[in-house]
Amino acid sequence: MTTLAPKLSIEKYLARERQAEIRSEYLAGQIVAMSGASLSHNRIVTNILKELADCLAEKDCEIVANDMRVHLPACDRFVYPDLVIICGDPVLKDDEYLDTLLNPTAIIEVLSPSTSDYDRNNKARCYFTLPSLQSYYLIPQNREEDIEIFTRKAQHRWELSLIQNVTTAVIEIVGCKITLEVIYRKVK
């Protein structure tokens, strides 16, 4: 018989997380440690960040990587997406730390073999509950797999687009264009 750890309150989680050396996500009272990322995963995140940072500087948007905690109140979760785009003024959890984002415009997750099901299913459903979220991108580390782009069409309707592995394919992210060749630069 498996014994679950006692549920932790949001306040205790946030206090613990702010002191921790290793990030953890909060899933309805349970704490899940984040694992390290592969070199390919980090290259993809860096390639996208580098390419979009300059483009977004010309807009009322910014991109942040890895350490921006996002609150998903409808699912009682706190998560750390790989990349978050914020357009307009960021809305942060109203506490003295101001380190938890409430209004991402776009979220990009780089899929690892160990996280792809979670990012595609459980996490996606929770992301879709955020009124501010306009698009969600799933970028596989394996460039042979399709890139999945979810775009909000109406309050409760999302459209899925698949981008196949074509070197010349272009993805538009919050008005910025990026090629698959750039996304997968130096990824083997």
N, C-alpha and C. Protein backbone atom coordinates (compact mmCIF):
# COMPACT_ATOMS: atom_id res chain seq x y z
N MET A 1 0.84 -1.18 0.00
CA MET A 1 0.00 0.00 0.00
C MET A 1 0.88 1.24 0.00
N THR A 2 0.54 2.19 -0.86
CA THR A 2 1.32 3.43 -0.98
C THR A 2 0.71 4.50 -0.08
N THR A 3 1.57 5.17 0.64
CA THR A 3 1.11 6.26 1.50
C THR A 3 1.51 7.58 0.85
N LEU A 4 0.53 8.43 0.61
CA LEU A 4 0.82 9.73 0.04
C LEU A 4 1.28 10.69 1.14
N ALA A 5 2.16 11.59 0.76
CA ALA A 5 2.58 12.63 1.70
C ALA A 5 1.39 13.52 2.01
N PRO A 6 1.34 14.07 3.20
CA PRO A 6 0.21 14.97 3.51
C PRO A 6 0.20 16.16 2.56
N LYS A 7 -1.00 16.65 2.28
CA LYS A 7 -1.13 17.80 1.39
C LYS A 7 -0.52 19.03 2.04
N LEU A 8 0.12 19.82 1.20
CA LEU A 8 0.77 21.04 1.64
C LEU A 8 -0.10 22.22 1.21
N SER A 9 -0.23 23.22 2.04
CA SER A 9 -0.99 24.41 1.67
C SER A 9 -0.19 25.21 0.64
N ILE A 10 -0.89 26.05 -0.10
CA ILE A 10 -0.23 26.92 -1.08
C ILE A 10 0.79 27.81 -0.40
N GLU A 11 0.43 28.35 0.74
CA GLU A 11 1.35 29.25 1.46
C GLU A 11 2.63 28.54 1.86
N LYS A 12 2.50 27.30 2.35
CA LYS A 12 3.69 26.53 2.75
C LYS A 12 4.52 26.15 1.52
N TYR A 13 3.84 25.79 0.44
CA TYR A 13 4.56 25.48 -0.80
C TYR A 13 5.38 26.68 -1.26
N LEU A 14 4.74 27.85 -1.35
CA LEU A 14 5.45 29.04 -1.83
C LEU A 14 6.61 29.40 -0.92
N ALA A 15 6.42 29.31 0.38
CA ALA A 15 7.51 29.60 1.32
C ALA A 15 8.66 28.62 1.11
N ARG A 16 8.33 27.36 0.97
CA ARG A 16 9.36 26.33 0.75
C ARG A 16 10.05 26.54 -0.59
N GLU A 17 9.28 26.84 -1.62
CA GLU A 17 9.82 27.00 -2.97
C GLU A 17 10.79 28.17 -3.05
N ARG A 18 10.50 29.23 -2.34
CA ARG A 18 11.36 30.41 -2.37
C ARG A 18 12.71 30.16 -1.69
N GLN A 19 12.80 29.13 -0.87
CA GLN A 19 14.05 28.78 -0.21
C GLN A 19 14.78 27.63 -0.90
N ALA A 20 14.08 26.90 -1.75
CA ALA A 20 14.61 25.67 -2.35
C ALA A 20 15.66 25.95 -3.42
N GLU A 21 16.61 25.04 -3.52
CA GLU A 21 17.60 25.11 -4.59
C GLU A 21 17.11 24.41 -5.85
N ILE A 22 16.17 23.48 -5.68
CA ILE A 22 15.60 22.74 -6.80
C ILE A 22 14.12 23.09 -6.90
N ARG A 23 13.68 23.45 -8.10
CA ARG A 23 12.28 23.84 -8.29
C ARG A 23 11.35 22.64 -8.19
N SER A 24 10.17 22.91 -7.69
CA SER A 24 9.11 21.90 -7.60
C SER A 24 7.80 22.51 -8.05
N GLU A 25 6.97 21.69 -8.67
CA GLU A 25 5.64 22.15 -9.03
C GLU A 25 4.66 21.72 -7.95
N TYR A 26 3.57 22.43 -7.87
CA TYR A 26 2.53 22.19 -6.87
C TYR A 26 1.30 21.67 -7.59
N LEU A 27 0.87 20.47 -7.25
CA LEU A 27 -0.29 19.85 -7.88
C LEU A 27 -1.31 19.51 -6.82
N ALA A 28 -2.20 20.44 -6.56
CA ALA A 28 -3.30 20.24 -5.60
C ALA A 28 -2.81 19.70 -4.26
N GLY A 29 -1.79 20.33 -3.73
CA GLY A 29 -1.29 19.97 -2.40
C GLY A 29 -0.11 19.02 -2.41
N GLN A 30 0.20 18.43 -3.54
CA GLN A 30 1.35 17.54 -3.66
C GLN A 30 2.49 18.28 -4.35
N ILE A 31 3.72 17.98 -3.94
CA ILE A 31 4.90 18.62 -4.48
C ILE A 31 5.59 17.63 -5.42
N VAL A 32 5.91 18.10 -6.63
CA VAL A 32 6.58 17.27 -7.62
C VAL A 32 7.87 17.98 -8.02
N ALA A 33 9.01 17.34 -7.72
CA ALA A 33 10.31 17.92 -8.05
C ALA A 33 10.50 17.95 -9.56
N MET A 34 11.12 19.00 -10.04
CA MET A 34 11.41 19.14 -11.47
C MET A 34 12.75 18.46 -11.75
N SER A 35 12.79 17.71 -12.82
CA SER A 35 14.04 17.05 -13.18
C SER A 35 14.88 17.98 -14.06
N GLY A 36 16.13 17.67 -14.18
CA GLY A 36 17.02 18.44 -15.04
C GLY A 36 16.67 18.22 -16.50
N ALA A 37 17.13 19.10 -17.37
CA ALA A 37 16.82 19.01 -18.80
C ALA A 37 18.06 18.57 -19.57
N SER A 38 17.82 17.90 -20.70
CA SER A 38 18.90 17.45 -21.56
C SER A 38 19.52 18.62 -22.31
N LEU A 39 20.66 18.38 -22.91
CA LEU A 39 21.32 19.42 -23.71
C LEU A 39 20.42 19.83 -24.88
N SER A 40 19.80 18.86 -25.54
CA SER A 40 18.90 19.19 -26.65
C SER A 40 17.75 20.08 -26.19
N HIS A 41 17.16 19.75 -25.06
CA HIS A 41 16.06 20.54 -24.49
C HIS A 41 16.54 21.98 -24.25
N ASN A 42 17.67 22.14 -23.62
CA ASN A 42 18.20 23.48 -23.32
C ASN A 42 18.56 24.24 -24.59
N ARG A 43 19.07 23.55 -25.59
CA ARG A 43 19.39 24.24 -26.86
C ARG A 43 18.12 24.78 -27.51
N ILE A 44 17.07 23.99 -27.52
CA ILE A 44 15.81 24.43 -28.13
C ILE A 44 15.26 25.65 -27.38
N VAL A 45 15.25 25.58 -26.06
CA VAL A 45 14.77 26.72 -25.26
C VAL A 45 15.61 27.96 -25.55
N THR A 46 16.92 27.81 -25.58
CA THR A 46 17.81 28.94 -25.83
C THR A 46 17.61 29.50 -27.25
N ASN A 47 17.48 28.63 -28.22
CA ASN A 47 17.27 29.08 -29.61
C ASN A 47 15.99 29.90 -29.74
N ILE A 48 14.92 29.42 -29.14
CA ILE A 48 13.65 30.15 -29.22
C ILE A 48 13.75 31.47 -28.47
N LEU A 49 14.30 31.42 -27.26
CA LEU A 49 14.45 32.63 -26.45
C LEU A 49 15.26 33.69 -27.18
N LYS A 50 16.38 33.28 -27.71
CA LYS A 50 17.26 34.22 -28.42
C LYS A 50 16.57 34.83 -29.64
N GLU A 51 15.87 34.01 -30.39
CA GLU A 51 15.23 34.48 -31.62
C GLU A 51 14.05 35.41 -31.33
N LEU A 52 13.27 35.09 -30.29
CA LEU A 52 12.07 35.88 -30.02
C LEU A 52 12.32 37.13 -29.18
N ALA A 53 13.37 37.15 -28.40
CA ALA A 53 13.61 38.28 -27.49
C ALA A 53 13.68 39.61 -28.24
N ASP A 54 14.43 39.66 -29.33
CA ASP A 54 14.56 40.91 -30.08
C ASP A 54 13.25 41.29 -30.76
N CYS A 55 12.57 40.33 -31.33
CA CYS A 55 11.30 40.61 -32.01
C CYS A 55 10.27 41.13 -31.01
N LEU A 56 10.18 40.51 -29.86
CA LEU A 56 9.19 40.92 -28.86
C LEU A 56 9.53 42.27 -28.23
N ALA A 57 10.80 42.66 -28.26
CA ALA A 57 11.19 43.97 -27.72
C ALA A 57 10.52 45.11 -28.48
N GLU A 58 10.18 44.86 -29.75
CA GLU A 58 9.51 45.86 -30.57
C GLU A 58 8.00 45.92 -30.31
N LYS A 59 7.51 44.97 -29.50
CA LYS A 59 6.09 44.90 -29.17
C LYS A 59 5.94 45.17 -27.67
N ASP A 60 4.73 45.18 -27.20
CA ASP A 60 4.49 45.34 -25.77
C ASP A 60 4.48 43.97 -25.10
N CYS A 61 5.52 43.17 -25.40
CA CYS A 61 5.61 41.79 -24.91
C CYS A 61 7.03 41.50 -24.46
N GLU A 62 7.16 40.45 -23.66
CA GLU A 62 8.48 39.97 -23.26
C GLU A 62 8.42 38.46 -23.10
N ILE A 63 9.60 37.83 -23.20
CA ILE A 63 9.69 36.39 -23.05
C ILE A 63 10.61 36.09 -21.87
N VAL A 64 10.20 35.13 -21.05
CA VAL A 64 11.02 34.71 -19.92
C VAL A 64 11.14 33.19 -19.95
N ALA A 65 12.25 32.69 -19.43
CA ALA A 65 12.53 31.26 -19.51
C ALA A 65 12.61 30.61 -18.14
N ASN A 66 12.11 29.41 -18.07
CA ASN A 66 12.29 28.41 -17.02
C ASN A 66 11.92 28.75 -15.59
N ASP A 67 12.24 29.89 -15.08
CA ASP A 67 12.04 30.16 -13.66
C ASP A 67 10.83 31.02 -13.35
N MET A 68 9.97 31.26 -14.33
CA MET A 68 8.77 32.05 -14.07
C MET A 68 7.64 31.10 -13.67
N ARG A 69 7.33 31.13 -12.41
CA ARG A 69 6.25 30.28 -11.89
C ARG A 69 4.91 30.85 -12.35
N VAL A 70 4.01 29.97 -12.80
CA VAL A 70 2.68 30.36 -13.26
C VAL A 70 1.66 29.67 -12.38
N HIS A 71 0.66 30.44 -11.92
CA HIS A 71 -0.42 29.88 -11.10
C HIS A 71 -1.58 29.49 -12.00
N LEU A 72 -2.08 28.28 -11.82
CA LEU A 72 -3.23 27.77 -12.55
C LEU A 72 -4.34 27.51 -11.53
N PRO A 73 -5.05 28.57 -11.12
CA PRO A 73 -5.99 28.43 -10.01
C PRO A 73 -7.11 27.42 -10.24
N ALA A 74 -7.59 27.28 -11.47
CA ALA A 74 -8.69 26.36 -11.73
C ALA A 74 -8.29 24.91 -11.46
N CYS A 75 -7.00 24.63 -11.51
CA CYS A 75 -6.49 23.27 -11.29
C CYS A 75 -5.71 23.15 -9.98
N ASP A 76 -5.65 24.23 -9.20
CA ASP A 76 -4.90 24.23 -7.95
C ASP A 76 -3.45 23.80 -8.18
N ARG A 77 -2.80 24.48 -9.14
CA ARG A 77 -1.42 24.14 -9.51
C ARG A 77 -0.55 25.39 -9.65
N PHE A 78 0.73 25.17 -9.42
CA PHE A 78 1.78 26.13 -9.73
C PHE A 78 2.79 25.37 -10.58
N VAL A 79 3.13 25.91 -11.74
CA VAL A 79 4.01 25.20 -12.67
C VAL A 79 5.09 26.15 -13.20
N TYR A 80 6.12 25.56 -13.82
CA TYR A 80 7.22 26.29 -14.41
C TYR A 80 7.31 25.93 -15.90
N PRO A 81 6.65 26.67 -16.77
CA PRO A 81 6.77 26.39 -18.21
C PRO A 81 8.20 26.67 -18.68
N ASP A 82 8.56 26.06 -19.80
CA ASP A 82 9.90 26.30 -20.36
C ASP A 82 10.06 27.75 -20.80
N LEU A 83 9.06 28.28 -21.49
CA LEU A 83 9.09 29.68 -21.93
C LEU A 83 7.71 30.28 -21.77
N VAL A 84 7.67 31.52 -21.31
CA VAL A 84 6.41 32.23 -21.13
C VAL A 84 6.52 33.58 -21.82
N ILE A 85 5.48 33.93 -22.58
CA ILE A 85 5.42 35.25 -23.20
C ILE A 85 4.31 36.03 -22.51
N ILE A 86 4.66 37.24 -22.12
CA ILE A 86 3.71 38.13 -21.45
C ILE A 86 3.55 39.36 -22.33
N CYS A 87 2.32 39.68 -22.70
CA CYS A 87 2.05 40.89 -23.46
C CYS A 87 1.25 41.84 -22.57
N GLY A 88 1.60 43.10 -22.62
CA GLY A 88 0.99 44.06 -21.70
C GLY A 88 1.68 43.96 -20.35
N ASP A 89 1.04 44.52 -19.35
CA ASP A 89 1.62 44.50 -18.01
C ASP A 89 1.45 43.13 -17.38
N PRO A 90 2.53 42.60 -16.80
CA PRO A 90 2.38 41.32 -16.10
C PRO A 90 1.50 41.49 -14.86
N VAL A 91 0.66 40.50 -14.62
CA VAL A 91 -0.13 40.45 -13.39
C VAL A 91 0.50 39.37 -12.53
N LEU A 92 0.94 39.78 -11.35
CA LEU A 92 1.64 38.86 -10.45
C LEU A 92 0.82 38.62 -9.19
N LYS A 93 1.04 37.46 -8.60
CA LYS A 93 0.35 37.13 -7.35
C LYS A 93 0.61 38.25 -6.37
N ASP A 94 -0.43 38.71 -5.75
CA ASP A 94 -0.37 39.87 -4.86
C ASP A 94 0.19 39.46 -3.50
N ASP A 95 1.51 39.40 -3.44
CA ASP A 95 2.20 39.19 -2.17
C ASP A 95 3.50 39.97 -2.22
N GLU A 96 4.26 39.91 -1.20
CA GLU A 96 5.48 40.73 -1.15
C GLU A 96 6.55 40.30 -2.15
N TYR A 97 6.45 39.08 -2.69
CA TYR A 97 7.50 38.56 -3.55
C TYR A 97 7.29 38.86 -5.03
N LEU A 98 6.04 38.93 -5.47
CA LEU A 98 5.72 39.22 -6.87
C LEU A 98 6.50 38.31 -7.83
N ASP A 99 6.48 37.01 -7.55
CA ASP A 99 7.25 36.05 -8.34
C ASP A 99 6.41 34.95 -8.98
N THR A 100 5.10 35.16 -9.01
CA THR A 100 4.20 34.17 -9.59
C THR A 100 3.29 34.86 -10.59
N LEU A 101 3.40 34.47 -11.85
CA LEU A 101 2.65 35.10 -12.94
C LEU A 101 1.23 34.55 -13.02
N LEU A 102 0.30 35.45 -13.28
CA LEU A 102 -1.11 35.07 -13.39
C LEU A 102 -1.66 35.22 -14.81
N ASN A 103 -0.95 35.94 -15.69
CA ASN A 103 -1.52 36.25 -17.01
C ASN A 103 -0.58 36.02 -18.20
N PRO A 104 -0.11 34.79 -18.40
CA PRO A 104 0.70 34.55 -19.61
C PRO A 104 -0.14 34.68 -20.86
N THR A 105 0.47 35.18 -21.93
CA THR A 105 -0.19 35.29 -23.23
C THR A 105 0.06 34.04 -24.05
N ALA A 106 1.29 33.53 -23.99
CA ALA A 106 1.66 32.31 -24.71
C ALA A 106 2.60 31.50 -23.83
N ILE A 107 2.51 30.20 -23.96
CA ILE A 107 3.38 29.28 -23.22
C ILE A 107 3.98 28.31 -24.22
N ILE A 108 5.28 28.06 -24.05
CA ILE A 108 5.99 27.11 -24.90
C ILE A 108 6.59 26.05 -23.99
N GLU A 109 6.28 24.80 -24.29
CA GLU A 109 6.88 23.67 -23.57
C GLU A 109 7.70 22.86 -24.57
N VAL A 110 8.91 22.53 -24.19
CA VAL A 110 9.75 21.65 -24.99
C VAL A 110 9.54 20.25 -24.42
N LEU A 111 9.10 19.34 -25.28
CA LEU A 111 8.72 18.01 -24.83
C LEU A 111 9.92 17.11 -24.64
N SER A 112 10.01 16.54 -23.46
CA SER A 112 11.00 15.52 -23.14
C SER A 112 10.27 14.18 -23.16
N PRO A 113 10.96 13.09 -23.39
CA PRO A 113 10.28 11.80 -23.36
C PRO A 113 9.53 11.56 -22.04
N SER A 114 10.08 12.04 -20.95
CA SER A 114 9.45 11.81 -19.63
C SER A 114 8.30 12.76 -19.33
N THR A 115 8.19 13.89 -20.05
CA THR A 115 7.15 14.88 -19.74
C THR A 115 6.12 15.08 -20.84
N SER A 116 6.30 14.48 -22.00
CA SER A 116 5.43 14.81 -23.13
C SER A 116 3.96 14.50 -22.86
N ASP A 117 3.64 13.38 -22.24
CA ASP A 117 2.24 13.07 -21.95
C ASP A 117 1.65 14.07 -20.97
N TYR A 118 2.40 14.41 -19.95
CA TYR A 118 1.94 15.37 -18.95
C TYR A 118 1.71 16.75 -19.58
N ASP A 119 2.66 17.21 -20.40
CA ASP A 119 2.54 18.53 -21.05
C ASP A 119 1.37 18.56 -22.04
N ARG A 120 1.15 17.45 -22.77
CA ARG A 120 0.08 17.37 -23.77
C ARG A 120 -1.30 17.26 -23.16
N ASN A 121 -1.41 16.64 -22.03
CA ASN A 121 -2.72 16.33 -21.47
C ASN A 121 -3.03 17.14 -20.21
N ASN A 122 -2.52 16.71 -19.07
CA ASN A 122 -2.87 17.35 -17.80
C ASN A 122 -2.52 18.84 -17.76
N LYS A 123 -1.31 19.16 -18.14
CA LYS A 123 -0.87 20.55 -18.09
C LYS A 123 -1.65 21.39 -19.10
N ALA A 124 -1.84 20.86 -20.30
CA ALA A 124 -2.56 21.60 -21.34
C ALA A 124 -3.96 21.96 -20.88
N ARG A 125 -4.67 21.00 -20.32
CA ARG A 125 -6.04 21.27 -19.85
C ARG A 125 -6.06 22.41 -18.84
N CYS A 126 -5.07 22.43 -17.98
CA CYS A 126 -5.00 23.50 -16.98
C CYS A 126 -4.62 24.83 -17.61
N TYR A 127 -3.66 24.82 -18.54
CA TYR A 127 -3.29 26.06 -19.22
C TYR A 127 -4.50 26.67 -19.93
N PHE A 128 -5.33 25.84 -20.54
CA PHE A 128 -6.47 26.33 -21.30
C PHE A 128 -7.50 27.04 -20.43
N THR A 129 -7.43 26.88 -19.12
CA THR A 129 -8.36 27.57 -18.22
C THR A 129 -7.95 29.02 -17.96
N LEU A 130 -6.75 29.41 -18.34
CA LEU A 130 -6.27 30.78 -18.12
C LEU A 130 -6.90 31.73 -19.14
N PRO A 131 -7.67 32.70 -18.70
CA PRO A 131 -8.32 33.61 -19.64
C PRO A 131 -7.33 34.39 -20.51
N SER A 132 -6.14 34.66 -20.00
CA SER A 132 -5.15 35.45 -20.74
C SER A 132 -4.45 34.65 -21.83
N LEU A 133 -4.40 33.34 -21.70
CA LEU A 133 -3.62 32.51 -22.62
C LEU A 133 -4.25 32.49 -24.01
N GLN A 134 -3.44 32.84 -25.01
CA GLN A 134 -3.90 32.87 -26.39
C GLN A 134 -3.32 31.74 -27.24
N SER A 135 -2.15 31.22 -26.82
CA SER A 135 -1.55 30.14 -27.59
C SER A 135 -0.63 29.30 -26.71
N TYR A 136 -0.55 28.02 -27.08
CA TYR A 136 0.25 27.03 -26.35
C TYR A 136 1.00 26.20 -27.39
N TYR A 137 2.33 26.15 -27.25
CA TYR A 137 3.19 25.49 -28.22
C TYR A 137 3.88 24.30 -27.57
N LEU A 138 3.82 23.15 -28.24
CA LEU A 138 4.51 21.95 -27.80
C LEU A 138 5.59 21.63 -28.83
N ILE A 139 6.84 21.79 -28.42
CA ILE A 139 7.98 21.60 -29.32
C ILE A 139 8.70 20.32 -28.91
N PRO A 140 8.65 19.27 -29.72
CA PRO A 140 9.34 18.03 -29.35
C PRO A 140 10.85 18.16 -29.51
N GLN A 141 11.59 17.48 -28.64
CA GLN A 141 13.04 17.45 -28.80
C GLN A 141 13.41 16.68 -30.06
N ASN A 142 12.63 15.66 -30.37
CA ASN A 142 12.87 14.86 -31.56
C ASN A 142 12.24 15.58 -32.75
N ARG A 143 13.06 16.11 -33.61
CA ARG A 143 12.53 16.91 -34.71
C ARG A 143 11.76 16.11 -35.74
N GLU A 144 11.73 14.80 -35.61
CA GLU A 144 10.92 13.95 -36.49
C GLU A 144 9.44 14.02 -36.10
N GLU A 145 9.14 14.47 -34.90
CA GLU A 145 7.76 14.57 -34.42
C GLU A 145 7.16 15.93 -34.81
N ASP A 146 5.84 15.99 -34.86
CA ASP A 146 5.16 17.23 -35.20
C ASP A 146 5.20 18.23 -34.05
N ILE A 147 5.30 19.50 -34.40
CA ILE A 147 5.11 20.58 -33.43
C ILE A 147 3.61 20.81 -33.33
N GLU A 148 3.10 20.94 -32.11
CA GLU A 148 1.68 21.16 -31.89
C GLU A 148 1.47 22.59 -31.41
N ILE A 149 0.54 23.28 -32.06
CA ILE A 149 0.22 24.66 -31.70
C ILE A 149 -1.27 24.74 -31.42
N PHE A 150 -1.61 25.13 -30.21
CA PHE A 150 -3.00 25.34 -29.83
C PHE A 150 -3.25 26.84 -29.79
N THR A 151 -4.31 27.28 -30.48
CA THR A 151 -4.65 28.70 -30.55
C THR A 151 -6.09 28.88 -30.08
N ARG A 152 -6.28 29.86 -29.19
CA ARG A 152 -7.63 30.15 -28.70
C ARG A 152 -8.44 30.80 -29.82
N LYS A 153 -9.60 30.22 -30.08
CA LYS A 153 -10.50 30.76 -31.10
C LYS A 153 -11.72 31.42 -30.46
N ALA A 154 -12.15 30.91 -29.36
CA ALA A 154 -13.27 31.46 -28.60
C ALA A 154 -13.00 31.10 -27.14
N GLN A 155 -13.80 31.61 -26.25
CA GLN A 155 -13.56 31.41 -24.82
C GLN A 155 -13.25 29.95 -24.46
N HIS A 156 -13.99 29.01 -25.00
CA HIS A 156 -13.79 27.61 -24.63
C HIS A 156 -13.48 26.72 -25.84
N ARG A 157 -12.95 27.32 -26.90
CA ARG A 157 -12.63 26.55 -28.10
C ARG A 157 -11.18 26.82 -28.51
N TRP A 158 -10.44 25.73 -28.67
CA TRP A 158 -9.05 25.82 -29.07
C TRP A 158 -8.87 25.08 -30.39
N GLU A 159 -8.00 25.61 -31.24
CA GLU A 159 -7.71 24.98 -32.53
C GLU A 159 -6.29 24.44 -32.49
N LEU A 160 -6.12 23.20 -32.96
CA LEU A 160 -4.81 22.57 -33.01
C LEU A 160 -4.27 22.62 -34.43
N SER A 161 -3.02 23.08 -34.56
CA SER A 161 -2.30 23.04 -35.84
C SER A 161 -1.06 22.19 -35.63
N LEU A 162 -0.74 21.37 -36.63
CA LEU A 162 0.46 20.54 -36.58
C LEU A 162 1.45 21.04 -37.62
N ILE A 163 2.69 21.20 -37.20
CA ILE A 163 3.76 21.60 -38.11
C ILE A 163 4.68 20.39 -38.25
N GLN A 164 4.81 19.89 -39.46
CA GLN A 164 5.65 18.74 -39.68
C GLN A 164 7.09 19.17 -39.89
N ASN A 165 7.99 18.20 -39.72
CA ASN A 165 9.41 18.47 -39.81
C ASN A 165 9.82 18.84 -41.23
N VAL A 166 9.71 20.11 -41.52
CA VAL A 166 10.17 20.65 -42.79
C VAL A 166 11.10 21.80 -42.42
N THR A 167 12.35 21.69 -42.80
CA THR A 167 13.36 22.67 -42.38
C THR A 167 12.92 24.10 -42.67
N THR A 168 12.20 24.29 -43.77
CA THR A 168 11.82 25.65 -44.16
C THR A 168 10.52 26.12 -43.49
N ALA A 169 9.87 25.27 -42.71
CA ALA A 169 8.62 25.66 -42.06
C ALA A 169 8.86 26.84 -41.12
N VAL A 170 7.85 27.70 -41.05
CA VAL A 170 7.92 28.89 -40.20
C VAL A 170 6.76 28.82 -39.20
N ILE A 171 7.07 29.11 -37.95
CA ILE A 171 6.05 29.16 -36.91
C ILE A 171 5.92 30.62 -36.49
N GLU A 172 4.69 31.06 -36.31
CA GLU A 172 4.47 32.42 -35.82
C GLU A 172 4.10 32.34 -34.34
N ILE A 173 4.84 33.07 -33.52
CA ILE A 173 4.60 33.11 -32.08
C ILE A 173 4.42 34.57 -31.69
N VAL A 174 3.23 34.94 -31.30
CA VAL A 174 2.88 36.31 -30.92
C VAL A 174 3.40 37.31 -31.95
N GLY A 175 3.15 37.01 -33.22
CA GLY A 175 3.54 37.92 -34.29
C GLY A 175 4.99 37.83 -34.72
N CYS A 176 5.78 36.99 -34.09
CA CYS A 176 7.19 36.81 -34.46
C CYS A 176 7.33 35.50 -35.21
N LYS A 177 8.13 35.50 -36.26
CA LYS A 177 8.31 34.30 -37.06
C LYS A 177 9.65 33.64 -36.73
N ILE A 178 9.60 32.31 -36.63
CA ILE A 178 10.81 31.55 -36.34
C ILE A 178 10.76 30.26 -37.16
N THR A 179 11.88 29.90 -37.78
CA THR A 179 11.92 28.70 -38.61
C THR A 179 12.29 27.49 -37.76
N LEU A 180 11.94 26.31 -38.25
CA LEU A 180 12.34 25.08 -37.57
C LEU A 180 13.85 24.94 -37.58
N GLU A 181 14.47 25.45 -38.65
CA GLU A 181 15.93 25.40 -38.72
C GLU A 181 16.55 26.13 -37.53
N VAL A 182 15.99 27.27 -37.16
CA VAL A 182 16.50 28.03 -36.00
C VAL A 182 16.16 27.32 -34.70
N ILE A 183 14.93 26.84 -34.58
CA ILE A 183 14.53 26.15 -33.33
C ILE A 183 15.47 24.98 -33.04
N TYR A 184 15.81 24.21 -34.07
CA TYR A 184 16.60 22.99 -33.87
C TYR A 184 18.11 23.18 -34.15
N ARG A 185 18.57 24.43 -34.16
CA ARG A 185 19.99 24.71 -34.38
C ARG A 185 20.83 23.95 -33.34
N LYS A 186 21.81 23.18 -33.80
CA LYS A 186 22.75 22.41 -32.98
C LYS A 186 22.10 21.25 -32.22
N VAL A 187 20.83 20.95 -32.53
CA VAL A 187 20.17 19.81 -31.88
C VAL A 187 20.36 18.60 -32.77
N LYS A 188 20.85 17.53 -32.18
CA LYS A 188 21.12 16.30 -32.96
C LYS A 188 20.01 15.31 -32.79
